[in-house]
Amino acid sequence: MIVRLMGEGQFRAGDELLAKLNELDDRAQAAADADDEPELDGHLDEMWRLVQAEGERLGDDDLHPSDVLIPPSDLTLEETKRLFSEQGLIPDLPA
């Protein structure tokens, strides 16, 4: 799966990283639903750190479409909430 960190670039994420991101995505969705911006920002920051540490950075010339878009924590609560779908930031994958 290809993960885009808004303004940072794209990363290839393996199954283990995706499992960690899905857990954080659930927490981020709950924080967004509760209008808890500090909690949401903390989860977004943690998602960014995980992707940067465990993802494989793709070159800027790589034009793969992104499967996941993770916003930075400096967006407003309302701006971030617009990026969530019913499934959060990370879409459910077919089994």
PDB file of N, CA and C in Angstrom:
ATOM      1  N   MET A   1       0.846  -1.168   0.000  1.00  0.00           N
ATOM      2  CA  MET A   1       0.000   0.000   0.000  1.00  0.00           C
ATOM      3  C   MET A   1       0.895   1.236   0.000  1.00  0.00           C
ATOM      4  N   ILE A   2       0.460   2.258  -0.720  1.00  0.00           N
ATOM      5  CA  ILE A   2       1.214   3.504  -0.811  1.00  0.00           C
ATOM      6  C   ILE A   2       0.562   4.543   0.107  1.00  0.00           C
ATOM      7  N   VAL A   3       1.367   5.098   1.003  1.00  0.00           N
ATOM      8  CA  VAL A   3       0.905   6.090   1.962  1.00  0.00           C
ATOM      9  C   VAL A   3       1.537   7.430   1.602  1.00  0.00           C
ATOM     10  N   ARG A   4       0.707   8.457   1.478  1.00  0.00           N
ATOM     11  CA  ARG A   4       1.218   9.814   1.250  1.00  0.00           C
ATOM     12  C   ARG A   4       1.107  10.604   2.543  1.00  0.00           C
ATOM     13  N   LEU A   5       2.236  11.156   2.960  1.00  0.00           N
ATOM     14  CA  LEU A   5       2.248  12.120   4.050  1.00  0.00           C
ATOM     15  C   LEU A   5       2.137  13.480   3.375  1.00  0.00           C
ATOM     16  N   MET A   6       1.040  14.184   3.609  1.00  0.00           N
ATOM     17  CA  MET A   6       0.794  15.458   2.925  1.00  0.00           C
ATOM     18  C   MET A   6       1.988  16.393   3.082  1.00  0.00           C
ATOM     19  N   GLY A   7       2.531  16.824   1.947  1.00  0.00           N
ATOM     20  CA  GLY A   7       3.653  17.751   1.956  1.00  0.00           C
ATOM     21  C   GLY A   7       5.006  17.105   2.171  1.00  0.00           C
ATOM     22  N   GLU A   8       5.028  15.786   2.399  1.00  0.00           N
ATOM     23  CA  GLU A   8       6.274  15.085   2.718  1.00  0.00           C
ATOM     24  C   GLU A   8       6.678  14.104   1.628  1.00  0.00           C
ATOM     25  N   GLY A   9       5.727  13.443   1.002  1.00  0.00           N
ATOM     26  CA  GLY A   9       6.035  12.470  -0.032  1.00  0.00           C
ATOM     27  C   GLY A   9       5.312  11.150   0.213  1.00  0.00           C
ATOM     28  N   GLN A  10       5.683  10.161  -0.599  1.00  0.00           N
ATOM     29  CA  GLN A  10       5.034   8.859  -0.560  1.00  0.00           C
ATOM     30  C   GLN A  10       5.963   7.789   0.009  1.00  0.00           C
ATOM     31  N   PHE A  11       5.330   6.796   0.657  1.00  0.00           N
ATOM     32  CA  PHE A  11       6.047   5.692   1.266  1.00  0.00           C
ATOM     33  C   PHE A  11       5.290   4.397   0.982  1.00  0.00           C
ATOM     34  N   ARG A  12       6.038   3.333   0.765  1.00  0.00           N
ATOM     35  CA  ARG A  12       5.428   2.009   0.642  1.00  0.00           C
ATOM     36  C   ARG A  12       5.342   1.425   2.052  1.00  0.00           C
ATOM     37  N   ALA A  13       4.152   0.932   2.407  1.00  0.00           N
ATOM     38  CA  ALA A  13       3.921   0.380   3.740  1.00  0.00           C
ATOM     39  C   ALA A  13       3.598  -1.097   3.634  1.00  0.00           C
ATOM     40  N   GLY A  14       4.300  -1.906   4.414  1.00  0.00           N
ATOM     41  CA  GLY A  14       4.043  -3.333   4.474  1.00  0.00           C
ATOM     42  C   GLY A  14       2.902  -3.647   5.437  1.00  0.00           C
ATOM     43  N   ASP A  15       2.567  -4.921   5.522  1.00  0.00           N
ATOM     44  CA  ASP A  15       1.432  -5.364   6.341  1.00  0.00           C
ATOM     45  C   ASP A  15       1.586  -4.998   7.815  1.00  0.00           C
ATOM     46  N   GLU A  16       2.781  -5.144   8.360  1.00  0.00           N
ATOM     47  CA  GLU A  16       2.997  -4.854   9.781  1.00  0.00           C
ATOM     48  C   GLU A  16       2.777  -3.372  10.074  1.00  0.00           C
ATOM     49  N   LEU A  17       3.307  -2.519   9.222  1.00  0.00           N
ATOM     50  CA  LEU A  17       3.114  -1.084   9.386  1.00  0.00           C
ATOM     51  C   LEU A  17       1.643  -0.725   9.222  1.00  0.00           C
ATOM     52  N   LEU A  18       0.980  -1.326   8.252  1.00  0.00           N
ATOM     53  CA  LEU A  18      -0.441  -1.038   8.047  1.00  0.00           C
ATOM     54  C   LEU A  18      -1.283  -1.425   9.250  1.00  0.00           C
ATOM     55  N   ALA A  19      -0.944  -2.519   9.894  1.00  0.00           N
ATOM     56  CA  ALA A  19      -1.679  -2.931  11.091  1.00  0.00           C
ATOM     57  C   ALA A  19      -1.541  -1.874  12.189  1.00  0.00           C
ATOM     58  N   LYS A  20      -0.329  -1.353  12.366  1.00  0.00           N
ATOM     59  CA  LYS A  20      -0.105  -0.301  13.367  1.00  0.00           C
ATOM     60  C   LYS A  20      -0.857   0.977  12.985  1.00  0.00           C
ATOM     61  N   LEU A  21      -0.828   1.320  11.703  1.00  0.00           N
ATOM     62  CA  LEU A  21      -1.517   2.522  11.249  1.00  0.00           C
ATOM     63  C   LEU A  21      -3.028   2.394  11.400  1.00  0.00           C
ATOM     64  N   ASN A  22      -3.559   1.208  11.141  1.00  0.00           N
ATOM     65  CA  ASN A  22      -5.000   0.999  11.290  1.00  0.00           C
ATOM     66  C   ASN A  22      -5.439   1.212  12.733  1.00  0.00           C
ATOM     67  N   GLU A  23      -4.640   0.754  13.670  1.00  0.00           N
ATOM     68  CA  GLU A  23      -4.963   0.948  15.086  1.00  0.00           C
ATOM     69  C   GLU A  23      -4.972   2.440  15.428  1.00  0.00           C
ATOM     70  N   LEU A  24      -3.954   3.154  14.966  1.00  0.00           N
ATOM     71  CA  LEU A  24      -3.901   4.591  15.209  1.00  0.00           C
ATOM     72  C   LEU A  24      -5.017   5.329  14.471  1.00  0.00           C
ATOM     73  N   ASP A  25      -5.374   4.842  13.301  1.00  0.00           N
ATOM     74  CA  ASP A  25      -6.451   5.440  12.525  1.00  0.00           C
ATOM     75  C   ASP A  25      -7.771   5.356  13.291  1.00  0.00           C
ATOM     76  N   ASP A  26      -8.025   4.214  13.922  1.00  0.00           N
ATOM     77  CA  ASP A  26      -9.240   4.060  14.731  1.00  0.00           C
ATOM     78  C   ASP A  26      -9.251   5.069  15.875  1.00  0.00           C
ATOM     79  N   ARG A  27      -8.108   5.242  16.509  1.00  0.00           N
ATOM     80  CA  ARG A  27      -8.007   6.207  17.615  1.00  0.00           C
ATOM     81  C   ARG A  27      -8.166   7.638  17.107  1.00  0.00           C
ATOM     82  N   ALA A  28      -7.575   7.922  15.951  1.00  0.00           N
ATOM     83  CA  ALA A  28      -7.694   9.259  15.367  1.00  0.00           C
ATOM     84  C   ALA A  28      -9.144   9.551  14.998  1.00  0.00           C
ATOM     85  N   GLN A  29      -9.836   8.566  14.441  1.00  0.00           N
ATOM     86  CA  GLN A  29     -11.244   8.742  14.082  1.00  0.00           C
ATOM     87  C   GLN A  29     -12.079   9.036  15.326  1.00  0.00           C
ATOM     88  N   ALA A  30     -11.827   8.312  16.401  1.00  0.00           N
ATOM     89  CA  ALA A  30     -12.560   8.540  17.650  1.00  0.00           C
ATOM     90  C   ALA A  30     -12.295   9.945  18.182  1.00  0.00           C
ATOM     91  N   ALA A  31     -11.054  10.386  18.109  1.00  0.00           N
ATOM     92  CA  ALA A  31     -10.710  11.732  18.573  1.00  0.00           C
ATOM     93  C   ALA A  31     -11.382  12.791  17.702  1.00  0.00           C
ATOM     94  N   ALA A  32     -11.404  12.586  16.397  1.00  0.00           N
ATOM     95  CA  ALA A  32     -12.067  13.528  15.493  1.00  0.00           C
ATOM     96  C   ALA A  32     -13.563  13.573  15.780  1.00  0.00           C
ATOM     97  N   ASP A  33     -14.169  12.409  15.981  1.00  0.00           N
ATOM     98  CA  ASP A  33     -15.602  12.344  16.283  1.00  0.00           C
ATOM     99  C   ASP A  33     -15.934  13.057  17.593  1.00  0.00           C
ATOM    100  N   ALA A  34     -14.990  13.037  18.532  1.00  0.00           N
ATOM    101  CA  ALA A  34     -15.184  13.685  19.835  1.00  0.00           C
ATOM    102  C   ALA A  34     -14.733  15.150  19.827  1.00  0.00           C
ATOM    103  N   ASP A  35     -14.307  15.648  18.660  1.00  0.00           N
ATOM    104  CA  ASP A  35     -13.785  17.015  18.530  1.00  0.00           C
ATOM    105  C   ASP A  35     -12.623  17.281  19.480  1.00  0.00           C
ATOM    106  N   ASP A  36     -11.815  16.243  19.708  1.00  0.00           N
ATOM    107  CA  ASP A  36     -10.652  16.349  20.595  1.00  0.00           C
ATOM    108  C   ASP A  36      -9.401  16.588  19.734  1.00  0.00           C
ATOM    109  N   GLU A  37      -9.181  17.850  19.404  1.00  0.00           N
ATOM    110  CA  GLU A  37      -8.080  18.194  18.494  1.00  0.00           C
ATOM    111  C   GLU A  37      -6.706  17.814  19.040  1.00  0.00           C
ATOM    112  N   PRO A  38      -6.381  18.058  20.314  1.00  0.00           N
ATOM    113  CA  PRO A  38      -5.056  17.656  20.811  1.00  0.00           C
ATOM    114  C   PRO A  38      -4.826  16.140  20.699  1.00  0.00           C
ATOM    115  N   GLU A  39      -5.840  15.354  21.012  1.00  0.00           N
ATOM    116  CA  GLU A  39      -5.716  13.887  20.904  1.00  0.00           C
ATOM    117  C   GLU A  39      -5.537  13.477  19.443  1.00  0.00           C
ATOM    118  N   LEU A  40      -6.322  14.065  18.558  1.00  0.00           N
ATOM    119  CA  LEU A  40      -6.215  13.787  17.125  1.00  0.00           C
ATOM    120  C   LEU A  40      -4.817  14.125  16.624  1.00  0.00           C
ATOM    121  N   ASP A  41      -4.325  15.304  16.982  1.00  0.00           N
ATOM    122  CA  ASP A  41      -2.997  15.725  16.528  1.00  0.00           C
ATOM    123  C   ASP A  41      -1.917  14.759  17.000  1.00  0.00           C
ATOM    124  N   GLY A  42      -2.038  14.275  18.225  1.00  0.00           N
ATOM    125  CA  GLY A  42      -1.067  13.310  18.741  1.00  0.00           C
ATOM    126  C   GLY A  42      -1.056  12.028  17.930  1.00  0.00           C
ATOM    127  N   HIS A  43      -2.235  11.547  17.541  1.00  0.00           N
ATOM    128  CA  HIS A  43      -2.312  10.325  16.739  1.00  0.00           C
ATOM    129  C   HIS A  43      -1.752  10.555  15.331  1.00  0.00           C
ATOM    130  N   LEU A  44      -2.035  11.714  14.751  1.00  0.00           N
ATOM    131  CA  LEU A  44      -1.487  12.022  13.429  1.00  0.00           C
ATOM    132  C   LEU A  44       0.037  12.098  13.476  1.00  0.00           C
ATOM    133  N   ASP A  45       0.565  12.743  14.512  1.00  0.00           N
ATOM    134  CA  ASP A  45       2.026  12.816  14.657  1.00  0.00           C
ATOM    135  C   ASP A  45       2.633  11.426  14.784  1.00  0.00           C
ATOM    136  N   GLU A  46       1.981  10.564  15.539  1.00  0.00           N
ATOM    137  CA  GLU A  46       2.494   9.200  15.702  1.00  0.00           C
ATOM    138  C   GLU A  46       2.429   8.433  14.383  1.00  0.00           C
ATOM    139  N   MET A  47       1.362   8.644  13.615  1.00  0.00           N
ATOM    140  CA  MET A  47       1.262   7.987  12.307  1.00  0.00           C
ATOM    141  C   MET A  47       2.398   8.447  11.400  1.00  0.00           C
ATOM    142  N   TRP A  48       2.679   9.751  11.402  1.00  0.00           N
ATOM    143  CA  TRP A  48       3.772  10.289  10.583  1.00  0.00           C
ATOM    144  C   TRP A  48       5.098   9.641  10.973  1.00  0.00           C
ATOM    145  N   ARG A  49       5.363   9.603  12.290  1.00  0.00           N
ATOM    146  CA  ARG A  49       6.643   9.033  12.757  1.00  0.00           C
ATOM    147  C   ARG A  49       6.771   7.573  12.335  1.00  0.00           C
ATOM    148  N   LEU A  50       5.711   6.818  12.457  1.00  0.00           N
ATOM    149  CA  LEU A  50       5.745   5.404  12.072  1.00  0.00           C
ATOM    150  C   LEU A  50       6.042   5.241  10.584  1.00  0.00           C
ATOM    151  N   VAL A  51       5.335   6.009   9.762  1.00  0.00           N
ATOM    152  CA  VAL A  51       5.538   5.900   8.308  1.00  0.00           C
ATOM    153  C   VAL A  51       6.972   6.283   7.950  1.00  0.00           C
ATOM    154  N   GLN A  52       7.471   7.352   8.532  1.00  0.00           N
ATOM    155  CA  GLN A  52       8.840   7.780   8.235  1.00  0.00           C
ATOM    156  C   GLN A  52       9.866   6.749   8.704  1.00  0.00           C
ATOM    157  N   ALA A  53       9.618   6.116   9.839  1.00  0.00           N
ATOM    158  CA  ALA A  53      10.576   5.161  10.408  1.00  0.00           C
ATOM    159  C   ALA A  53      10.497   3.792   9.752  1.00  0.00           C
ATOM    160  N   GLU A  54       9.297   3.347   9.426  1.00  0.00           N
ATOM    161  CA  GLU A  54       9.128   1.960   8.973  1.00  0.00           C
ATOM    162  C   GLU A  54       8.722   1.818   7.514  1.00  0.00           C
ATOM    163  N   GLY A  55       8.328   2.917   6.886  1.00  0.00           N
ATOM    164  CA  GLY A  55       7.941   2.854   5.482  1.00  0.00           C
ATOM    165  C   GLY A  55       9.149   2.982   4.577  1.00  0.00           C
ATOM    166  N   GLU A  56       8.969   2.568   3.340  1.00  0.00           N
ATOM    167  CA  GLU A  56      10.022   2.697   2.324  1.00  0.00           C
ATOM    168  C   GLU A  56       9.730   3.945   1.503  1.00  0.00           C
ATOM    169  N   ARG A  57      10.580   4.942   1.620  1.00  0.00           N
ATOM    170  CA  ARG A  57      10.391   6.215   0.918  1.00  0.00           C
ATOM    171  C   ARG A  57      10.457   5.977  -0.590  1.00  0.00           C
ATOM    172  N   LEU A  58       9.481   6.500  -1.313  1.00  0.00           N
ATOM    173  CA  LEU A  58       9.478   6.428  -2.770  1.00  0.00           C
ATOM    174  C   LEU A  58      10.065   7.716  -3.322  1.00  0.00           C
ATOM    175  N   GLY A  59      10.702   7.610  -4.455  1.00  0.00           N
ATOM    176  CA  GLY A  59      11.302   8.785  -5.083  1.00  0.00           C
ATOM    177  C   GLY A  59      10.247   9.786  -5.519  1.00  0.00           C
ATOM    178  N   ASP A  60      10.632  11.035  -5.599  1.00  0.00           N
ATOM    179  CA  ASP A  60       9.697  12.078  -6.018  1.00  0.00           C
ATOM    180  C   ASP A  60       9.201  11.870  -7.440  1.00  0.00           C
ATOM    181  N   ASP A  61       9.949  11.125  -8.238  1.00  0.00           N
ATOM    182  CA  ASP A  61       9.537  10.858  -9.614  1.00  0.00           C
ATOM    183  C   ASP A  61       8.627   9.636  -9.721  1.00  0.00           C
ATOM    184  N   ASP A  62       8.369   8.950  -8.620  1.00  0.00           N
ATOM    185  CA  ASP A  62       7.477   7.787  -8.598  1.00  0.00           C
ATOM    186  C   ASP A  62       6.042   8.286  -8.623  1.00  0.00           C
ATOM    187  N   LEU A  63       5.279   7.848  -9.603  1.00  0.00           N
ATOM    188  CA  LEU A  63       3.931   8.368  -9.790  1.00  0.00           C
ATOM    189  C   LEU A  63       2.836   7.381  -9.381  1.00  0.00           C
ATOM    190  N   HIS A  64       3.147   6.459  -8.479  1.00  0.00           N
ATOM    191  CA  HIS A  64       2.115   5.554  -7.978  1.00  0.00           C
ATOM    192  C   HIS A  64       1.004   6.367  -7.322  1.00  0.00           C
ATOM    193  N   PRO A  65      -0.239   5.984  -7.550  1.00  0.00           N
ATOM    194  CA  PRO A  65      -1.314   6.668  -6.816  1.00  0.00           C
ATOM    195  C   PRO A  65      -1.258   6.288  -5.340  1.00  0.00           C
ATOM    196  N   SER A  66      -1.600   7.221  -4.484  1.00  0.00           N
ATOM    197  CA  SER A  66      -1.595   6.965  -3.044  1.00  0.00           C
ATOM    198  C   SER A  66      -2.889   6.259  -2.646  1.00  0.00           C
ATOM    199  N   ASP A  67      -2.746   5.241  -1.791  1.00  0.00           N
ATOM    200  CA  ASP A  67      -3.911   4.542  -1.251  1.00  0.00           C
ATOM    201  C   ASP A  67      -4.403   5.213   0.018  1.00  0.00           C
ATOM    202  N   VAL A  68      -3.489   5.876   0.716  1.00  0.00           N
ATOM    203  CA  VAL A  68      -3.776   6.498   2.003  1.00  0.00           C
ATOM    204  C   VAL A  68      -3.158   7.885   2.015  1.00  0.00           C
ATOM    205  N   LEU A  69      -3.892   8.852   2.581  1.00  0.00           N
ATOM    206  CA  LEU A  69      -3.393  10.206   2.739  1.00  0.00           C
ATOM    207  C   LEU A  69      -3.446  10.548   4.221  1.00  0.00           C
ATOM    208  N   ILE A  70      -2.287  10.846   4.801  1.00  0.00           N
ATOM    209  CA  ILE A  70      -2.226  11.216   6.215  1.00  0.00           C
ATOM    210  C   ILE A  70      -1.858  12.693   6.295  1.00  0.00           C
ATOM    211  N   PRO A  71      -2.754  13.487   6.868  1.00  0.00           N
ATOM    212  CA  PRO A  71      -2.482  14.927   6.960  1.00  0.00           C
ATOM    213  C   PRO A  71      -1.521  15.241   8.099  1.00  0.00           C
ATOM    214  N   PRO A  72      -0.895  16.404   8.042  1.00  0.00           N
ATOM    215  CA  PRO A  72      -0.055  16.836   9.168  1.00  0.00           C
ATOM    216  C   PRO A  72      -0.951  17.285  10.315  1.00  0.00           C
ATOM    217  N   SER A  73      -0.391  17.325  11.493  1.00  0.00           N
ATOM    218  CA  SER A  73      -1.170  17.706  12.671  1.00  0.00           C
ATOM    219  C   SER A  73      -1.406  19.206  12.760  1.00  0.00           C
ATOM    220  N   ASP A  74      -0.803  19.991  11.866  1.00  0.00           N
ATOM    221  CA  ASP A  74      -0.999  21.442  11.961  1.00  0.00           C
ATOM    222  C   ASP A  74      -2.236  21.933  11.214  1.00  0.00           C
ATOM    223  N   LEU A  75      -3.013  21.030  10.617  1.00  0.00           N
ATOM    224  CA  LEU A  75      -4.296  21.429  10.042  1.00  0.00           C
ATOM    225  C   LEU A  75      -5.281  21.659  11.179  1.00  0.00           C
ATOM    226  N   THR A  76      -6.310  22.436  10.906  1.00  0.00           N
ATOM    227  CA  THR A  76      -7.342  22.611  11.921  1.00  0.00           C
ATOM    228  C   THR A  76      -8.155  21.323  12.049  1.00  0.00           C
ATOM    229  N   LEU A  77      -8.896  21.229  13.128  1.00  0.00           N
ATOM    230  CA  LEU A  77      -9.761  20.068  13.344  1.00  0.00           C
ATOM    231  C   LEU A  77     -10.721  19.911  12.183  1.00  0.00           C
ATOM    232  N   GLU A  78     -11.344  20.990  11.747  1.00  0.00           N
ATOM    233  CA  GLU A  78     -12.319  20.915  10.649  1.00  0.00           C
ATOM    234  C   GLU A  78     -11.658  20.500   9.337  1.00  0.00           C
ATOM    235  N   GLU A  79     -10.467  21.027   9.055  1.00  0.00           N
ATOM    236  CA  GLU A  79      -9.759  20.641   7.835  1.00  0.00           C
ATOM    237  C   GLU A  79      -9.438  19.143   7.860  1.00  0.00           C
ATOM    238  N   THR A  80      -8.989  18.659   8.994  1.00  0.00           N
ATOM    239  CA  THR A  80      -8.632  17.243   9.112  1.00  0.00           C
ATOM    240  C   THR A  80      -9.868  16.371   9.005  1.00  0.00           C
ATOM    241  N   LYS A  81     -10.949  16.767   9.637  1.00  0.00           N
ATOM    242  CA  LYS A  81     -12.179  15.963   9.604  1.00  0.00           C
ATOM    243  C   LYS A  81     -12.690  15.777   8.183  1.00  0.00           C
ATOM    244  N   ARG A  82     -12.463  16.748   7.307  1.00  0.00           N
ATOM    245  CA  ARG A  82     -12.898  16.631   5.906  1.00  0.00           C
ATOM    246  C   ARG A  82     -12.157  15.529   5.162  1.00  0.00           C
ATOM    247  N   LEU A  83     -10.993  15.125   5.655  1.00  0.00           N
ATOM    248  CA  LEU A  83     -10.194  14.094   4.994  1.00  0.00           C
ATOM    249  C   LEU A  83     -10.598  12.676   5.413  1.00  0.00           C
ATOM    250  N   PHE A  84     -11.391  12.569   6.479  1.00  0.00           N
ATOM    251  CA  PHE A  84     -11.831  11.262   6.959  1.00  0.00           C
ATOM    252  C   PHE A  84     -13.003  10.761   6.124  1.00  0.00           C
ATOM    253  N   SER A  85     -13.019   9.469   5.875  1.00  0.00           N
ATOM    254  CA  SER A  85     -14.173   8.829   5.262  1.00  0.00           C
ATOM    255  C   SER A  85     -14.880   8.030   6.356  1.00  0.00           C
ATOM    256  N   GLU A  86     -15.870   7.268   5.983  1.00  0.00           N
ATOM    257  CA  GLU A  86     -16.533   6.391   6.948  1.00  0.00           C
ATOM    258  C   GLU A  86     -15.546   5.394   7.548  1.00  0.00           C
ATOM    259  N   GLN A  87     -14.481   5.112   6.835  1.00  0.00           N
ATOM    260  CA  GLN A  87     -13.479   4.130   7.257  1.00  0.00           C
ATOM    261  C   GLN A  87     -12.277   4.796   7.916  1.00  0.00           C
ATOM    262  N   GLY A  88     -12.323   6.084   8.163  1.00  0.00           N
ATOM    263  CA  GLY A  88     -11.180   6.783   8.716  1.00  0.00           C
ATOM    264  C   GLY A  88     -10.290   7.304   7.594  1.00  0.00           C
ATOM    265  N   LEU A  89      -9.005   7.396   7.878  1.00  0.00           N
ATOM    266  CA  LEU A  89      -8.037   7.813   6.856  1.00  0.00           C
ATOM    267  C   LEU A  89      -7.576   6.638   6.007  1.00  0.00           C
ATOM    268  N   ILE A  90      -7.598   5.459   6.599  1.00  0.00           N
ATOM    269  CA  ILE A  90      -7.102   4.258   5.932  1.00  0.00           C
ATOM    270  C   ILE A  90      -8.287   3.391   5.532  1.00  0.00           C
ATOM    271  N   PRO A  91      -8.469   3.174   4.225  1.00  0.00           N
ATOM    272  CA  PRO A  91      -9.615   2.373   3.784  1.00  0.00           C
ATOM    273  C   PRO A  91      -9.459   0.913   4.191  1.00  0.00           C
ATOM    274  N   ASP A  92     -10.585   0.276   4.469  1.00  0.00           N
ATOM    275  CA  ASP A  92     -10.561  -1.157   4.762  1.00  0.00           C
ATOM    276  C   ASP A  92     -10.187  -1.893   3.482  1.00  0.00           C
ATOM    277  N   LEU A  93      -9.307  -2.843   3.620  1.00  0.00           N
ATOM    278  CA  LEU A  93      -8.887  -3.627   2.464  1.00  0.00           C
ATOM    279  C   LEU A  93      -9.730  -4.876   2.345  1.00  0.00           C
ATOM    280  N   PRO A  94      -9.994  -5.322   1.111  1.00  0.00           N
ATOM    281  CA  PRO A  94     -10.744  -6.562   0.949  1.00  0.00           C
ATOM    282  C   PRO A  94      -9.976  -7.727   1.575  1.00  0.00           C
ATOM    283  N   ALA A  95     -10.704  -8.619   2.198  1.00  0.00           N
ATOM    284  CA  ALA A  95     -10.062  -9.769   2.861  1.00  0.00           C
ATOM    285  C   ALA A  95      -9.584 -10.791   1.875  1.00  0.00           C
TER     286      ALA A  95
END
